């Protein structure tokens, strides 16, 4: 879970500067096959000539960040609801 949080933070930061520096994707170099699987689980696509180099488009990052924000938001609402009921 911590790896997801760190990766999501990096993706959020890339969105924050995307308009200023003109990026269209984030590229990562996975250190091993486990890392390749991790990135692919979140929508990264491997380059044809190097399966350990993967990319994720900014449009996909926006969807991923929004989806994670909704999940976090729903989780927070559920916690608040449970706290009130207790």
N, C-alpha and C. Protein backbone atom coordinates (compact mmCIF):
# COMPACT_ATOMS: atom_id res chain seq x y z
N UNK A 1 0.82 -1.20 0.00
CA UNK A 1 0.00 0.00 0.00
C UNK A 1 0.87 1.26 0.00
N UNK A 2 1.97 1.23 0.74
CA UNK A 2 2.84 2.41 0.81
C UNK A 2 3.42 2.74 -0.56
N UNK A 3 3.74 1.70 -1.34
CA UNK A 3 4.28 1.93 -2.69
C UNK A 3 3.25 2.67 -3.55
N UNK A 4 1.98 2.30 -3.41
CA UNK A 4 0.92 2.97 -4.16
C UNK A 4 0.82 4.43 -3.76
N UNK A 5 0.88 4.70 -2.46
CA UNK A 5 0.77 6.08 -1.97
C UNK A 5 1.93 6.93 -2.49
N UNK A 6 3.13 6.38 -2.47
CA UNK A 6 4.29 7.12 -2.96
C UNK A 6 4.17 7.37 -4.47
N UNK A 7 3.76 6.33 -5.21
CA UNK A 7 3.60 6.48 -6.65
C UNK A 7 2.51 7.50 -6.97
N UNK A 8 1.41 7.43 -6.25
CA UNK A 8 0.31 8.37 -6.47
C UNK A 8 0.76 9.80 -6.19
N UNK A 9 1.55 10.00 -5.15
CA UNK A 9 2.07 11.33 -4.84
C UNK A 9 2.93 11.86 -5.99
N UNK A 10 3.78 11.01 -6.52
CA UNK A 10 4.63 11.41 -7.65
C UNK A 10 3.78 11.76 -8.87
N UNK A 11 2.73 10.99 -9.11
CA UNK A 11 1.85 11.28 -10.25
C UNK A 11 1.10 12.58 -10.05
N UNK A 12 0.65 12.84 -8.81
CA UNK A 12 -0.03 14.10 -8.52
C UNK A 12 0.92 15.28 -8.77
N UNK A 13 2.16 15.13 -8.38
CA UNK A 13 3.14 16.20 -8.59
C UNK A 13 3.39 16.43 -10.08
N UNK A 14 3.39 15.35 -10.85
CA UNK A 14 3.58 15.51 -12.30
C UNK A 14 2.40 16.26 -12.92
N UNK A 15 1.20 16.01 -12.42
CA UNK A 15 0.03 16.75 -12.90
C UNK A 15 0.15 18.23 -12.56
N UNK A 16 0.66 18.51 -11.38
CA UNK A 16 0.76 19.90 -10.92
C UNK A 16 1.67 20.74 -11.82
N UNK A 17 2.70 20.13 -12.38
CA UNK A 17 3.63 20.89 -13.21
C UNK A 17 3.45 20.64 -14.71
N UNK A 18 2.51 19.81 -15.07
CA UNK A 18 2.33 19.41 -16.47
C UNK A 18 2.15 20.59 -17.41
N UNK A 19 1.34 21.54 -17.04
CA UNK A 19 1.09 22.68 -17.92
C UNK A 19 2.29 23.62 -18.00
N UNK A 20 3.07 23.68 -16.94
CA UNK A 20 4.22 24.58 -16.91
C UNK A 20 5.37 24.05 -17.76
N UNK A 21 5.57 22.73 -17.77
CA UNK A 21 6.72 22.20 -18.49
C UNK A 21 6.35 21.36 -19.71
N UNK A 22 5.06 21.21 -19.96
CA UNK A 22 4.60 20.57 -21.18
C UNK A 22 4.83 19.07 -21.28
N UNK A 23 4.61 18.33 -20.21
CA UNK A 23 4.76 16.88 -20.29
C UNK A 23 3.45 16.23 -20.74
N UNK A 24 3.55 15.09 -21.37
CA UNK A 24 2.37 14.36 -21.82
C UNK A 24 2.28 12.97 -21.21
N UNK A 25 3.37 12.53 -20.56
CA UNK A 25 3.38 11.20 -19.95
C UNK A 25 4.47 11.14 -18.89
N UNK A 26 4.34 10.14 -18.02
CA UNK A 26 5.37 9.84 -17.04
C UNK A 26 6.01 8.52 -17.46
N UNK A 27 7.34 8.48 -17.46
CA UNK A 27 8.08 7.28 -17.84
C UNK A 27 8.82 6.76 -16.62
N UNK A 28 8.74 5.46 -16.40
CA UNK A 28 9.46 4.83 -15.28
C UNK A 28 10.30 3.68 -15.81
N UNK A 29 11.39 3.41 -15.12
CA UNK A 29 12.22 2.24 -15.39
C UNK A 29 12.07 1.30 -14.20
N UNK A 30 11.35 0.21 -14.40
CA UNK A 30 11.10 -0.75 -13.33
C UNK A 30 12.37 -1.52 -13.01
N UNK A 31 12.62 -1.72 -11.72
CA UNK A 31 13.87 -2.38 -11.32
C UNK A 31 13.83 -3.89 -11.49
N UNK A 32 12.63 -4.48 -11.49
CA UNK A 32 12.51 -5.93 -11.66
C UNK A 32 11.11 -6.28 -12.15
N UNK A 33 10.86 -7.56 -12.30
CA UNK A 33 9.55 -8.01 -12.85
C UNK A 33 8.40 -7.70 -11.89
N UNK A 34 8.67 -7.73 -10.60
CA UNK A 34 7.63 -7.39 -9.62
C UNK A 34 7.21 -5.93 -9.80
N UNK A 35 8.19 -5.06 -10.02
CA UNK A 35 7.90 -3.65 -10.25
C UNK A 35 7.14 -3.45 -11.56
N UNK A 36 7.50 -4.21 -12.59
CA UNK A 36 6.79 -4.14 -13.87
C UNK A 36 5.31 -4.47 -13.64
N UNK A 37 5.05 -5.53 -12.90
CA UNK A 37 3.66 -5.94 -12.62
C UNK A 37 2.93 -4.86 -11.83
N UNK A 38 3.62 -4.26 -10.86
CA UNK A 38 3.03 -3.18 -10.05
C UNK A 38 2.58 -2.04 -10.95
N UNK A 39 3.47 -1.56 -11.81
CA UNK A 39 3.14 -0.44 -12.69
C UNK A 39 2.03 -0.81 -13.67
N UNK A 40 2.08 -2.01 -14.21
CA UNK A 40 1.04 -2.42 -15.16
C UNK A 40 -0.33 -2.49 -14.49
N UNK A 41 -0.36 -2.86 -13.21
CA UNK A 41 -1.63 -2.89 -12.47
C UNK A 41 -2.30 -1.52 -12.43
N UNK A 42 -1.51 -0.47 -12.54
CA UNK A 42 -2.05 0.89 -12.49
C UNK A 42 -2.13 1.55 -13.86
N UNK A 43 -2.01 0.75 -14.91
CA UNK A 43 -2.26 1.26 -16.25
C UNK A 43 -1.05 1.65 -17.07
N UNK A 44 0.15 1.49 -16.52
CA UNK A 44 1.35 1.81 -17.29
C UNK A 44 1.48 0.82 -18.46
N UNK A 45 2.04 1.29 -19.55
CA UNK A 45 2.26 0.47 -20.75
C UNK A 45 3.75 0.36 -21.00
N UNK A 46 4.19 -0.86 -21.29
CA UNK A 46 5.62 -1.08 -21.56
C UNK A 46 5.98 -0.64 -22.97
N UNK A 47 7.18 -0.11 -23.11
CA UNK A 47 7.70 0.20 -24.44
C UNK A 47 7.99 -1.11 -25.16
N UNK A 48 7.75 -1.17 -26.45
CA UNK A 48 7.95 -2.43 -27.20
C UNK A 48 9.39 -2.95 -27.16
N UNK A 49 10.36 -2.06 -27.14
CA UNK A 49 11.75 -2.49 -27.20
C UNK A 49 12.41 -2.69 -25.83
N UNK A 50 11.69 -2.35 -24.75
CA UNK A 50 12.23 -2.50 -23.40
C UNK A 50 11.07 -2.67 -22.43
N UNK A 51 10.78 -3.91 -22.05
CA UNK A 51 9.59 -4.17 -21.23
C UNK A 51 9.68 -3.61 -19.81
N UNK A 52 10.86 -3.22 -19.37
CA UNK A 52 11.01 -2.62 -18.04
C UNK A 52 10.87 -1.09 -18.06
N UNK A 53 10.78 -0.51 -19.23
CA UNK A 53 10.52 0.93 -19.35
C UNK A 53 9.04 1.07 -19.69
N UNK A 54 8.31 1.77 -18.82
CA UNK A 54 6.87 1.90 -18.99
C UNK A 54 6.47 3.37 -18.96
N UNK A 55 5.30 3.65 -19.51
CA UNK A 55 4.80 5.03 -19.50
C UNK A 55 3.33 5.05 -19.16
N UNK A 56 2.89 6.21 -18.68
CA UNK A 56 1.49 6.45 -18.36
C UNK A 56 1.16 7.85 -18.83
N UNK A 57 0.14 7.97 -19.67
CA UNK A 57 -0.23 9.28 -20.21
C UNK A 57 -0.85 10.16 -19.13
N UNK A 58 -0.75 11.47 -19.32
CA UNK A 58 -1.32 12.39 -18.36
C UNK A 58 -2.83 12.24 -18.25
N UNK A 59 -3.49 11.93 -19.34
CA UNK A 59 -4.95 11.75 -19.25
C UNK A 59 -5.30 10.57 -18.36
N UNK A 60 -4.50 9.51 -18.43
CA UNK A 60 -4.72 8.36 -17.56
C UNK A 60 -4.38 8.70 -16.11
N UNK A 61 -3.33 9.49 -15.92
CA UNK A 61 -2.95 9.91 -14.57
C UNK A 61 -4.08 10.72 -13.93
N UNK A 62 -4.69 11.61 -14.70
CA UNK A 62 -5.81 12.39 -14.18
C UNK A 62 -6.93 11.49 -13.70
N UNK A 63 -7.25 10.47 -14.47
CA UNK A 63 -8.31 9.53 -14.08
C UNK A 63 -7.93 8.76 -12.82
N UNK A 64 -6.68 8.31 -12.75
CA UNK A 64 -6.20 7.56 -11.60
C UNK A 64 -6.22 8.41 -10.34
N UNK A 65 -5.75 9.64 -10.43
CA UNK A 65 -5.74 10.54 -9.28
C UNK A 65 -7.16 10.86 -8.84
N UNK A 66 -8.04 11.12 -9.79
CA UNK A 66 -9.44 11.42 -9.47
C UNK A 66 -10.09 10.23 -8.79
N UNK A 67 -9.85 9.04 -9.32
CA UNK A 67 -10.43 7.82 -8.75
C UNK A 67 -9.92 7.60 -7.33
N UNK A 68 -8.64 7.81 -7.10
CA UNK A 68 -8.07 7.62 -5.76
C UNK A 68 -8.63 8.68 -4.80
N UNK A 69 -8.84 9.90 -5.32
CA UNK A 69 -9.42 10.95 -4.48
C UNK A 69 -10.84 10.58 -4.08
N UNK A 70 -11.61 10.04 -5.01
CA UNK A 70 -12.98 9.62 -4.70
C UNK A 70 -12.98 8.52 -3.66
N UNK A 71 -12.09 7.54 -3.82
CA UNK A 71 -12.01 6.44 -2.86
C UNK A 71 -11.65 6.96 -1.48
N UNK A 72 -10.66 7.86 -1.43
CA UNK A 72 -10.25 8.44 -0.15
C UNK A 72 -11.39 9.24 0.44
N UNK A 73 -12.08 9.97 -0.39
CA UNK A 73 -13.18 10.80 0.06
C UNK A 73 -14.30 9.92 0.62
N UNK A 74 -14.63 8.84 -0.08
CA UNK A 74 -15.65 7.91 0.40
C UNK A 74 -15.23 7.28 1.71
N UNK A 75 -13.95 6.90 1.80
CA UNK A 75 -13.43 6.31 3.02
C UNK A 75 -13.56 7.29 4.19
N UNK A 76 -13.21 8.55 3.94
CA UNK A 76 -13.30 9.57 5.00
C UNK A 76 -14.74 9.75 5.45
N UNK A 77 -15.66 9.79 4.48
CA UNK A 77 -17.08 9.93 4.83
C UNK A 77 -17.55 8.75 5.67
N UNK A 78 -17.13 7.53 5.32
CA UNK A 78 -17.52 6.35 6.08
C UNK A 78 -16.97 6.42 7.50
N UNK A 79 -15.72 6.87 7.65
CA UNK A 79 -15.13 6.99 8.98
C UNK A 79 -15.89 8.02 9.82
N UNK A 80 -16.22 9.14 9.21
CA UNK A 80 -16.98 10.17 9.93
C UNK A 80 -18.34 9.63 10.32
N UNK A 81 -19.01 8.91 9.40
CA UNK A 81 -20.31 8.33 9.69
C UNK A 81 -20.21 7.36 10.86
N UNK A 82 -19.21 6.50 10.86
CA UNK A 82 -19.03 5.53 11.94
C UNK A 82 -18.74 6.25 13.25
N UNK A 83 -17.97 7.29 13.21
CA UNK A 83 -17.64 8.04 14.42
C UNK A 83 -18.89 8.66 15.01
N UNK A 84 -19.74 9.21 14.17
CA UNK A 84 -20.98 9.82 14.65
C UNK A 84 -21.90 8.79 15.26
N UNK A 85 -21.96 7.60 14.64
CA UNK A 85 -22.85 6.55 15.14
C UNK A 85 -22.35 5.99 16.48
N UNK A 86 -21.05 6.01 16.72
CA UNK A 86 -20.50 5.47 17.96
C UNK A 86 -20.79 6.44 19.06
